[in-house]
């Protein structure tokens, strides 16, 4: 973790006291935790709890939440319907016989056959942790994305410190100050805080389920589409942009691009390099004062698909990002190849000033989209508000697009990874990269790609594609 330690030394304001990397750290979890608090509350899931002995649990107050089963990915991809998934989900024999990839589910089967909801990183679970840890002065996360989001947000709301024991190189949120929490069935991002310390047990990280590691690789390598989107917004609209988060991971990215196949072989060295890259990527969000350096159009598409399908659990975060990333990479390449893109007037969005007649017109457009199976993403008021903001931006970019497009496109191309290269890596690693690999309806996915620009106030290639009428990439 040479790169990470240098960065932490130079950025003391991150408040992360230390990052410790060693073998068998979890075996000493009680002794480690007592350095940070006297009354400790630990959160794990049914999988990560297996790393701890009964003696350790006797010493530490704890909560073990339900966990999803991580099935290995197999080729060819075979998409099952809901009844097939439920009937074969927990049968290894069924998997071997059919040779299918069965994704995680939002439900899990208990011995009696009764179905219970997976709590995931829900607000209910956060509140449960807050209640159980009321008398504790330290919250400890033993897990990956879900566990860390729960502990990060619960400890923030309670004004308590927390430390993290990551169990997989699966995402970059360990060092970010935001938490992704499920509220009333929808995922929301909340301000939280950073852990006081991170303890990385190399044996656990290197031997984590392969799907989690590969998901982390996809979450990291989207740097390419992220940087293109963020730089586009800066060059067209003058929004704030910071090159530093990308510079910090450049050397690690180059190594991973050369050695990515070693991830599937569980190379401890390469998996730990990925872990370091993810931790630095998370710190990049702290430096950027937001998720700008790690989340742009590809995350917008993935999150909008989650809202549309109301399915947050049937695939890992990085797998969804991989699919959306390939879409964004192709879209970016397509637009950057255009010599003179022209902003086209789109009647549905000509809504300023907002006369009653025009409001009705926009509402009709909104209703048309929503009745096409896209319900649940926005309410009408929010939809109109975002469209008004987007139309202002559409007008602002006309002149600069005409005068500066050649320079802008050349600058953006310098940092791009070709879509074909990304897809080749995902194919080599058996990472899902097409909508059908996740069981997503292709027609619905295409609709989501075309309107996802309204899901967030960021300006990305999704917006530019809409402005010039080039949204179709599938």
Protein backbone atom coordinates (compact mmCIF):
# COMPACT_ATOMS: atom_id res chain seq x y z
CA UNK A 1 0.00 0.00 0.00
CA UNK A 2 2.92 2.32 -0.80
CA UNK A 3 0.85 4.76 -2.88
CA UNK A 4 -1.95 4.94 -0.34
CA UNK A 5 0.32 5.61 2.63
CA UNK A 6 2.01 8.47 0.78
CA UNK A 7 -1.35 10.02 -0.01
CA UNK A 8 -2.63 9.67 3.56
CA UNK A 9 0.54 11.29 4.86
CA UNK A 10 0.02 14.26 2.55
CA UNK A 11 -3.73 14.53 3.20
CA UNK A 12 -4.12 14.49 6.97
CA UNK A 13 -7.45 16.27 6.63
CA UNK A 14 -9.03 12.99 5.51
CA UNK A 15 -9.24 12.05 9.22
CA UNK A 16 -8.31 8.41 8.54
CA UNK A 17 -5.74 7.80 11.24
CA UNK A 18 -4.14 4.78 9.64
CA UNK A 19 -4.45 1.95 7.16
CA UNK A 20 -2.92 -1.29 8.40
CA UNK A 21 -2.22 -4.16 6.01
CA UNK A 22 -1.16 -7.55 7.34
CA UNK A 23 -2.07 -11.21 7.65
CA UNK A 24 -4.44 -12.56 10.30
CA UNK A 25 -5.57 -9.12 11.50
CA UNK A 26 -9.12 -10.34 12.07
CA UNK A 27 -7.79 -12.90 14.56
CA UNK A 28 -6.84 -9.94 16.77
CA UNK A 29 -9.94 -7.86 16.10
CA UNK A 30 -10.87 -7.44 19.78
CA UNK A 31 -7.40 -6.26 20.78
CA UNK A 32 -7.27 -3.88 17.80
CA UNK A 33 -10.69 -2.39 18.50
CA UNK A 34 -9.86 -1.61 22.13
CA UNK A 35 -7.30 0.89 20.84
CA UNK A 36 -10.21 3.01 19.60
CA UNK A 37 -12.92 2.48 22.18
CA UNK A 38 -13.86 0.74 25.40
CA UNK A 39 -17.37 -0.41 24.50
CA UNK A 40 -17.33 -1.95 21.03
CA UNK A 41 -20.25 -2.82 18.74
CA UNK A 42 -19.47 -4.98 15.70
CA UNK A 43 -21.63 -5.47 12.61
CA UNK A 44 -21.06 -8.45 10.32
CA UNK A 45 -23.17 -10.62 8.04
CA UNK A 46 -23.61 -14.37 8.04
CA UNK A 47 -20.63 -14.81 5.72
CA UNK A 48 -18.12 -12.49 7.39
CA UNK A 49 -19.11 -13.61 10.89
CA UNK A 50 -17.45 -16.94 10.08
CA UNK A 51 -14.06 -15.23 10.32
CA UNK A 52 -14.52 -14.73 14.07
CA UNK A 53 -14.35 -17.25 16.89
CA UNK A 54 -17.04 -17.81 19.48
CA UNK A 55 -14.66 -16.40 22.06
CA UNK A 56 -14.43 -13.12 20.12
CA UNK A 57 -18.21 -12.82 19.91
CA UNK A 58 -18.41 -13.37 23.66
CA UNK A 59 -16.19 -10.31 24.16
CA UNK A 60 -17.87 -7.93 21.69
CA UNK A 61 -21.48 -6.78 21.37
CA UNK A 62 -22.57 -7.50 17.84
CA UNK A 63 -25.27 -7.71 15.19
CA UNK A 64 -25.19 -10.27 12.38
CA UNK A 65 -27.42 -9.35 9.46
CA UNK A 66 -28.69 -11.71 6.74
CA UNK A 67 -26.40 -12.05 3.74
CA UNK A 68 -26.88 -12.86 0.10
CA UNK A 69 -25.21 -15.91 -1.36
CA UNK A 70 -22.51 -15.01 -3.89
CA UNK A 71 -22.64 -17.56 -6.69
CA UNK A 72 -19.68 -17.86 -9.08
CA UNK A 73 -20.27 -16.59 -12.59
CA UNK A 74 -20.33 -19.21 -15.34
CA UNK A 75 -20.32 -19.12 -19.12
CA UNK A 76 -22.41 -19.14 -21.13
CA UNK A 77 -24.69 -16.62 -19.46
CA UNK A 78 -28.14 -18.14 -19.08
CA UNK A 79 -30.96 -15.92 -17.94
CA UNK A 80 -33.56 -17.61 -15.76
CA UNK A 81 -37.05 -16.40 -15.02
CA UNK A 82 -38.08 -15.64 -11.45
CA UNK A 83 -39.53 -19.07 -10.67
CA UNK A 84 -36.42 -20.84 -11.98
CA UNK A 85 -34.18 -18.60 -9.90
CA UNK A 86 -36.12 -19.29 -6.72
CA UNK A 87 -36.31 -23.02 -7.32
CA UNK A 88 -32.61 -23.51 -8.05
CA UNK A 89 -31.01 -20.62 -6.21
CA UNK A 90 -29.70 -22.55 -3.26
CA UNK A 91 -29.02 -25.81 -5.06
CA UNK A 92 -25.40 -26.34 -6.06
CA UNK A 93 -26.48 -29.48 -7.90
CA UNK A 94 -28.94 -27.44 -9.94
CA UNK A 95 -26.23 -24.97 -10.84
CA UNK A 96 -23.78 -27.68 -11.92
CA UNK A 97 -26.43 -29.40 -13.98
CA UNK A 98 -27.62 -26.30 -15.82
CA UNK A 99 -24.30 -24.45 -15.92
CA UNK A 100 -25.95 -21.12 -15.23
CA UNK A 101 -25.08 -17.94 -13.44
CA UNK A 102 -27.67 -17.37 -10.75
CA UNK A 103 -27.51 -13.82 -9.38
CA UNK A 104 -27.98 -12.80 -5.79
CA UNK A 105 -31.60 -12.23 -4.84
CA UNK A 106 -33.38 -9.70 -2.68
CA UNK A 107 -34.78 -12.65 -0.79
CA UNK A 108 -33.26 -15.69 0.85
CA UNK A 109 -34.66 -19.10 1.80
CA UNK A 110 -34.72 -20.26 5.40
CA UNK A 111 -35.16 -23.95 6.34
CA UNK A 112 -38.92 -23.77 6.80
CA UNK A 113 -39.30 -22.54 3.23
CA UNK A 114 -40.51 -19.13 4.36
CA UNK A 115 -39.14 -16.18 2.37
CA UNK A 116 -37.60 -13.27 4.29
CA UNK A 117 -36.27 -9.98 2.96
CA UNK A 118 -32.56 -9.36 2.80
CA UNK A 119 -32.04 -6.29 4.97
CA UNK A 120 -29.16 -4.96 2.87
CA UNK A 121 -28.12 -1.36 3.62
CA UNK A 122 -31.62 -0.22 4.48
CA UNK A 123 -32.60 2.63 6.75
CA UNK A 124 -34.31 0.08 8.99
CA UNK A 125 -31.02 -1.76 9.48
CA UNK A 126 -29.18 1.51 10.10
CA UNK A 127 -31.69 2.40 12.82
CA UNK A 128 -31.38 -1.09 14.30
CA UNK A 129 -27.60 -0.64 14.57
CA UNK A 130 -28.07 2.81 16.11
CA UNK A 131 -30.39 1.36 18.73
CA UNK A 132 -28.19 -1.65 19.54
CA UNK A 133 -25.00 0.44 19.65
CA UNK A 134 -26.52 3.20 21.77
CA UNK A 135 -24.22 2.52 24.74
CA UNK A 136 -21.11 1.79 22.65
CA UNK A 137 -18.39 4.28 21.77
CA UNK A 138 -17.07 2.48 18.67
CA UNK A 139 -18.82 0.78 15.75
CA UNK A 140 -16.84 -1.80 13.78
CA UNK A 141 -17.65 -2.89 10.22
CA UNK A 142 -16.59 -6.40 9.24
CA UNK A 143 -17.68 -6.76 5.64
CA UNK A 144 -17.78 -5.04 2.28
CA UNK A 145 -20.23 -2.57 0.70
CA UNK A 146 -23.44 -3.21 2.61
CA UNK A 147 -21.85 -3.55 6.04
CA UNK A 148 -19.70 -0.45 5.59
CA UNK A 149 -22.58 1.71 4.38
CA UNK A 150 -24.65 0.66 7.41
CA UNK A 151 -21.86 1.31 9.92
CA UNK A 152 -20.68 4.48 8.23
CA UNK A 153 -24.12 6.08 8.31
CA UNK A 154 -25.21 4.77 11.72
CA UNK A 155 -21.99 5.95 13.38
CA UNK A 156 -22.26 9.33 11.66
CA UNK A 157 -25.82 9.88 12.88
CA UNK A 158 -24.84 8.85 16.41
CA UNK A 159 -21.63 10.89 16.47
CA UNK A 160 -19.53 7.78 17.13
CA UNK A 161 -16.24 6.67 15.62
CA UNK A 162 -16.10 3.62 13.42
CA UNK A 163 -13.33 1.48 11.98
CA UNK A 164 -13.47 -0.83 9.00
CA UNK A 165 -12.25 -4.36 8.37
CA UNK A 166 -12.91 -4.78 4.61
CA UNK A 167 -13.49 -8.36 3.48
CA UNK A 168 -13.35 -7.89 -0.30
CA UNK A 169 -11.83 -5.56 -2.90
CA UNK A 170 -15.35 -5.03 -4.21
CA UNK A 171 -15.94 -1.25 -4.24
CA UNK A 172 -14.36 2.15 -3.57
CA UNK A 173 -16.66 3.22 -0.75
CA UNK A 174 -14.42 2.20 2.14
CA UNK A 175 -12.71 5.60 2.01
CA UNK A 176 -15.60 7.77 0.83
CA UNK A 177 -17.64 10.00 3.11
CA UNK A 178 -21.01 9.02 1.63
CA UNK A 179 -23.31 6.09 2.36
CA UNK A 180 -25.74 4.46 -0.05
CA UNK A 181 -28.90 3.58 1.90
CA UNK A 182 -32.21 2.04 0.86
CA UNK A 183 -35.13 4.26 1.92
CA UNK A 184 -38.73 3.26 1.15
CA UNK A 185 -37.50 0.91 -1.54
CA UNK A 186 -35.20 3.43 -3.25
CA UNK A 187 -31.44 3.84 -2.91
CA UNK A 188 -30.32 7.25 -1.66
CA UNK A 189 -26.88 8.73 -1.05
CA UNK A 190 -26.32 10.36 2.35
CA UNK A 191 -23.48 12.39 3.82
CA UNK A 192 -21.60 10.31 6.38
CA UNK A 193 -17.99 10.23 7.56
CA UNK A 194 -14.72 8.36 7.15
CA UNK A 195 -13.50 5.49 9.31
CA UNK A 196 -10.87 6.32 11.91
CA UNK A 197 -8.84 3.38 10.65
CA UNK A 198 -8.94 0.61 8.07
CA UNK A 199 -7.52 -2.85 8.76
CA UNK A 200 -6.91 -4.99 5.70
CA UNK A 201 -6.44 -8.69 6.36
CA UNK A 202 -4.55 -9.83 3.28
CA UNK A 203 -5.65 -13.46 3.57
CA UNK A 204 -9.31 -12.51 3.65
CA UNK A 205 -9.07 -9.98 0.79
CA UNK A 206 -7.11 -12.33 -1.47
CA UNK A 207 -9.55 -15.20 -0.89
CA UNK A 208 -12.80 -13.25 -1.14
CA UNK A 209 -15.44 -14.57 -3.57
CA UNK A 210 -14.12 -13.92 -7.07
CA UNK A 211 -17.30 -12.16 -8.18
CA UNK A 212 -16.76 -9.54 -5.48
CA UNK A 213 -13.18 -8.92 -6.60
CA UNK A 214 -14.18 -8.66 -10.26
CA UNK A 215 -17.01 -6.33 -9.31
CA UNK A 216 -14.43 -4.11 -7.63
CA UNK A 217 -12.30 -4.12 -10.78
CA UNK A 218 -15.27 -2.88 -12.82
CA UNK A 219 -16.06 -0.21 -10.23
CA UNK A 220 -12.48 1.03 -10.45
CA UNK A 221 -11.85 0.82 -14.19
CA UNK A 222 -14.86 3.04 -14.96
CA UNK A 223 -12.35 5.83 -14.31
CA UNK A 224 -12.21 6.17 -18.11
CA UNK A 225 -15.89 7.00 -18.68
CA UNK A 226 -16.06 9.01 -15.45
CA UNK A 227 -13.17 11.27 -16.38
CA UNK A 228 -14.56 11.83 -19.88
CA UNK A 229 -17.93 12.92 -18.48
CA UNK A 230 -16.49 15.16 -15.78
CA UNK A 231 -14.04 16.81 -18.18
CA UNK A 232 -16.83 17.34 -20.73
CA UNK A 233 -18.89 19.22 -18.15
CA UNK A 234 -15.87 21.34 -17.21
CA UNK A 235 -14.94 22.22 -20.79
CA UNK A 236 -18.50 22.97 -21.93
CA UNK A 237 -19.95 24.58 -18.81
CA UNK A 238 -16.98 25.63 -16.70
CA UNK A 239 -17.95 23.37 -13.80
CA UNK A 240 -15.24 22.56 -11.26
CA UNK A 241 -12.84 19.81 -12.28
CA UNK A 242 -9.89 18.26 -10.47
CA UNK A 243 -7.29 16.10 -12.21
CA UNK A 244 -5.68 14.96 -8.95
CA UNK A 245 -7.96 11.96 -8.17
CA UNK A 246 -7.09 10.46 -11.56
CA UNK A 247 -3.39 11.25 -11.28
CA UNK A 248 -3.22 9.46 -7.93
CA UNK A 249 -4.41 6.15 -9.40
CA UNK A 250 -2.70 6.35 -12.78
CA UNK A 251 0.26 4.10 -11.94
CA UNK A 252 -1.97 1.50 -10.28
CA UNK A 253 -4.38 1.57 -13.21
CA UNK A 254 -1.56 0.90 -15.66
CA UNK A 255 -0.45 -2.13 -13.64
CA UNK A 256 -4.00 -3.48 -13.39
CA UNK A 257 -4.55 -3.02 -17.12
CA UNK A 258 -1.50 -5.21 -17.72
CA UNK A 259 -2.14 -7.75 -14.98
CA UNK A 260 -5.95 -7.94 -14.85
CA UNK A 261 -6.05 -11.64 -15.78
CA UNK A 262 -4.25 -12.42 -12.53
CA UNK A 263 -7.39 -11.32 -10.67
CA UNK A 264 -9.21 -14.44 -11.87
CA UNK A 265 -6.26 -16.49 -10.61
CA UNK A 266 -6.61 -14.85 -7.17
CA UNK A 267 -3.09 -13.42 -7.28
CA UNK A 268 -2.66 -11.91 -3.82
CA UNK A 269 -0.33 -9.24 -5.19
CA UNK A 270 -2.75 -8.06 -7.88
CA UNK A 271 -5.85 -8.28 -5.68
CA UNK A 272 -4.10 -6.10 -3.09
CA UNK A 273 -3.12 -3.63 -5.82
CA UNK A 274 -6.79 -3.46 -6.77
CA UNK A 275 -7.70 -2.90 -3.13
CA UNK A 276 -5.20 -0.06 -2.92
CA UNK A 277 -6.56 1.48 -6.12
CA UNK A 278 -10.11 1.33 -4.75
CA UNK A 279 -9.09 2.96 -1.47
CA UNK A 280 -7.33 5.79 -3.32
CA UNK A 281 -10.34 6.15 -5.63
CA UNK A 282 -12.52 6.60 -2.55
CA UNK A 283 -10.17 9.27 -1.21
CA UNK A 284 -10.47 10.93 -4.61
CA UNK A 285 -14.12 11.56 -3.79
CA UNK A 286 -13.08 13.26 -0.55
CA UNK A 287 -10.62 15.41 -2.50
CA UNK A 288 -13.34 16.24 -5.05
CA UNK A 289 -15.86 17.06 -2.30
CA UNK A 290 -18.34 14.73 -3.95
CA UNK A 291 -18.50 11.59 -6.06
CA UNK A 292 -17.55 13.45 -9.27
CA UNK A 293 -14.27 11.55 -9.70
CA UNK A 294 -15.86 8.11 -9.37
CA UNK A 295 -19.46 8.35 -10.55
CA UNK A 296 -20.83 9.87 -13.74
CA UNK A 297 -22.97 8.64 -16.64
CA UNK A 298 -22.33 4.92 -16.11
CA UNK A 299 -23.48 5.17 -12.48
CA UNK A 300 -26.48 7.28 -13.50
CA UNK A 301 -27.60 4.58 -15.95
CA UNK A 302 -27.06 1.77 -13.45
CA UNK A 303 -28.89 3.55 -10.63
CA UNK A 304 -31.77 4.53 -12.92
CA UNK A 305 -32.14 0.90 -13.97
CA UNK A 306 -32.30 -0.03 -10.29
CA UNK A 307 -35.09 2.49 -9.73
CA UNK A 308 -36.99 1.42 -12.83
CA UNK A 309 -36.79 -2.30 -12.08
CA UNK A 310 -36.92 -1.83 -8.28
CA UNK A 311 -34.18 -4.46 -8.19
CA UNK A 312 -31.14 -3.60 -6.08
CA UNK A 313 -29.95 -7.11 -5.31
CA UNK A 314 -29.96 -9.36 -8.37
CA UNK A 315 -26.42 -8.33 -9.35
CA UNK A 316 -23.41 -6.77 -7.69
CA UNK A 317 -22.83 -3.03 -7.93
CA UNK A 318 -19.73 -3.39 -10.11
CA UNK A 319 -21.50 -5.78 -12.47
CA UNK A 320 -24.19 -3.17 -13.14
CA UNK A 321 -21.50 -0.53 -13.59
CA UNK A 322 -19.70 -2.78 -16.09
CA UNK A 323 -22.80 -3.02 -18.29
CA UNK A 324 -23.48 0.71 -18.11
CA UNK A 325 -19.78 1.49 -18.64
CA UNK A 326 -19.68 -0.33 -21.98
CA UNK A 327 -22.77 1.64 -23.03
CA UNK A 328 -21.16 4.92 -21.97
CA UNK A 329 -17.81 4.09 -23.60
CA UNK A 330 -19.53 3.37 -26.93
CA UNK A 331 -21.66 6.50 -26.62
CA UNK A 332 -18.64 8.67 -25.83
CA UNK A 333 -16.67 7.28 -28.76
CA UNK A 334 -19.62 7.79 -31.09
CA UNK A 335 -20.07 11.44 -30.11
CA UNK A 336 -16.34 12.22 -30.09
CA UNK A 337 -16.13 10.95 -33.68
CA UNK A 338 -18.64 13.57 -34.85
CA UNK A 339 -16.91 16.51 -36.54
CA UNK A 340 -19.48 19.24 -35.91
CA UNK A 341 -22.21 18.19 -33.45
CA UNK A 342 -25.23 20.47 -33.59
CA UNK A 343 -27.65 21.04 -30.72
CA UNK A 344 -31.11 20.15 -31.95
CA UNK A 345 -34.32 21.69 -30.59
CA UNK A 346 -36.44 19.07 -28.84
CA UNK A 347 -40.04 20.13 -28.39
CA UNK A 348 -40.66 18.16 -25.22
CA UNK A 349 -38.05 20.17 -23.39
CA UNK A 350 -38.83 23.67 -24.66
CA UNK A 351 -40.52 24.53 -21.40
CA UNK A 352 -39.22 27.98 -20.46
CA UNK A 353 -41.13 30.17 -19.82
CA UNK A 354 -43.50 27.68 -18.22
CA UNK A 355 -46.94 28.60 -19.48
CA UNK A 356 -49.83 26.35 -18.45
CA UNK A 357 -49.99 24.92 -21.95
CA UNK A 358 -46.30 24.06 -21.95
CA UNK A 359 -46.47 22.56 -18.47
CA UNK A 360 -49.25 20.34 -19.75
CA UNK A 361 -47.09 19.37 -22.72
CA UNK A 362 -44.19 18.38 -20.49
CA UNK A 363 -46.53 16.44 -18.23
CA UNK A 364 -47.79 14.57 -21.28
CA UNK A 365 -44.20 13.70 -22.20
CA UNK A 366 -43.53 12.60 -18.63
CA UNK A 367 -46.70 10.49 -18.58
CA UNK A 368 -45.77 8.85 -21.89
CA UNK A 369 -42.42 7.76 -20.53
CA UNK A 370 -43.85 6.60 -17.25
CA UNK A 371 -46.53 4.48 -18.91
CA UNK A 372 -43.83 2.65 -20.87
CA UNK A 373 -42.78 0.70 -17.80
CA UNK A 374 -40.57 3.46 -16.40
CA UNK A 375 -42.67 4.33 -13.38
CA UNK A 376 -41.15 5.05 -10.01
CA UNK A 377 -38.11 7.06 -11.05
CA UNK A 378 -39.38 10.59 -10.64
CA UNK A 379 -42.47 12.43 -9.59
CA UNK A 380 -43.82 14.99 -12.06
CA UNK A 381 -42.56 18.00 -10.11
CA UNK A 382 -39.00 16.71 -9.88
CA UNK A 383 -39.09 15.73 -13.54
CA UNK A 384 -40.04 19.25 -14.66
CA UNK A 385 -37.50 20.86 -12.32
CA UNK A 386 -34.64 18.81 -13.77
CA UNK A 387 -35.80 19.42 -17.34
CA UNK A 388 -35.79 23.18 -16.75
CA UNK A 389 -32.20 22.98 -15.48
CA UNK A 390 -31.18 20.81 -18.41
CA UNK A 391 -32.71 23.15 -20.98
CA UNK A 392 -30.72 26.06 -19.61
CA UNK A 393 -27.55 24.00 -19.98
CA UNK A 394 -28.58 22.98 -23.49
CA UNK A 395 -28.76 26.64 -24.51
CA UNK A 396 -25.41 27.43 -22.86
CA UNK A 397 -23.41 24.85 -24.78
CA UNK A 398 -24.54 25.79 -28.31
CA UNK A 399 -21.92 28.42 -29.04
CA UNK A 400 -18.96 26.77 -27.33
CA UNK A 401 -19.81 23.48 -29.00
CA UNK A 402 -19.66 25.24 -32.36
CA UNK A 403 -16.40 27.09 -31.66
CA UNK A 404 -14.39 24.70 -29.47
CA UNK A 405 -15.57 21.16 -30.19
CA UNK A 406 -12.40 20.07 -31.96
CA UNK A 407 -10.19 21.10 -29.02
CA UNK A 408 -12.64 19.68 -26.47
CA UNK A 409 -12.91 16.30 -28.17
CA UNK A 410 -9.13 16.00 -28.52
CA UNK A 411 -8.60 16.72 -24.82
CA UNK A 412 -11.18 14.14 -23.76
CA UNK A 413 -9.81 11.46 -26.09
CA UNK A 414 -6.42 11.62 -24.34
CA UNK A 415 -7.80 9.88 -21.24
CA UNK A 416 -10.18 7.35 -22.82
CA UNK A 417 -9.87 3.60 -22.71
CA UNK A 418 -11.36 2.19 -25.95
CA UNK A 419 -14.75 0.53 -25.55
CA UNK A 420 -13.45 -2.59 -27.32
CA UNK A 421 -10.59 -2.88 -24.83
CA UNK A 422 -12.96 -2.58 -21.88
CA UNK A 423 -15.29 -5.19 -23.35
CA UNK A 424 -12.37 -7.55 -24.06
CA UNK A 425 -11.24 -7.34 -20.42
CA UNK A 426 -14.75 -8.00 -19.16
CA UNK A 427 -15.12 -10.96 -21.52
CA UNK A 428 -11.76 -12.37 -20.39
CA UNK A 429 -12.84 -12.10 -16.74
CA UNK A 430 -16.46 -13.26 -17.34
CA UNK A 431 -17.80 -9.96 -16.03
CA UNK A 432 -21.33 -9.18 -17.29
CA UNK A 433 -21.17 -6.33 -19.82
CA UNK A 434 -24.41 -6.44 -21.79
CA UNK A 435 -27.95 -5.76 -20.44
CA UNK A 436 -29.06 -9.32 -21.10
CA UNK A 437 -26.22 -10.66 -18.94
CA UNK A 438 -28.03 -9.21 -15.93
CA UNK A 439 -31.48 -10.24 -17.12
CA UNK A 440 -32.32 -6.64 -18.02
CA UNK A 441 -34.90 -6.16 -20.75
CA UNK A 442 -32.98 -4.63 -23.66
CA UNK A 443 -35.84 -2.43 -24.85
CA UNK A 444 -36.38 -1.06 -21.35
CA UNK A 445 -32.65 -0.55 -20.90
CA UNK A 446 -32.46 1.48 -24.13
CA UNK A 447 -35.29 3.70 -22.89
CA UNK A 448 -33.48 4.21 -19.61
CA UNK A 449 -30.28 5.21 -21.42
CA UNK A 450 -32.24 7.79 -23.42
CA UNK A 451 -33.83 9.51 -20.41
CA UNK A 452 -31.32 8.81 -17.61
CA UNK A 453 -29.83 12.28 -18.15
CA UNK A 454 -32.82 13.64 -16.22
CA UNK A 455 -32.00 11.54 -13.15
CA UNK A 456 -29.27 13.84 -11.87
CA UNK A 457 -28.14 17.44 -12.20
CA UNK A 458 -24.72 16.45 -13.57
CA UNK A 459 -23.92 17.13 -17.22
CA UNK A 460 -22.50 14.04 -18.94
CA UNK A 461 -22.30 12.57 -22.42
CA UNK A 462 -25.87 11.38 -21.77
CA UNK A 463 -26.92 15.04 -21.84
CA UNK A 464 -24.85 15.86 -24.90
CA UNK A 465 -26.25 12.80 -26.69
CA UNK A 466 -29.75 14.04 -25.95
CA UNK A 467 -28.91 17.58 -27.10
CA UNK A 468 -27.61 16.43 -30.48
CA UNK A 469 -30.03 13.52 -30.94
CA UNK A 470 -27.47 10.71 -30.68
CA UNK A 471 -28.71 8.67 -27.70
CA UNK A 472 -29.01 5.34 -29.52
CA UNK A 473 -25.99 3.09 -28.94
CA UNK A 474 -27.49 -0.43 -28.79
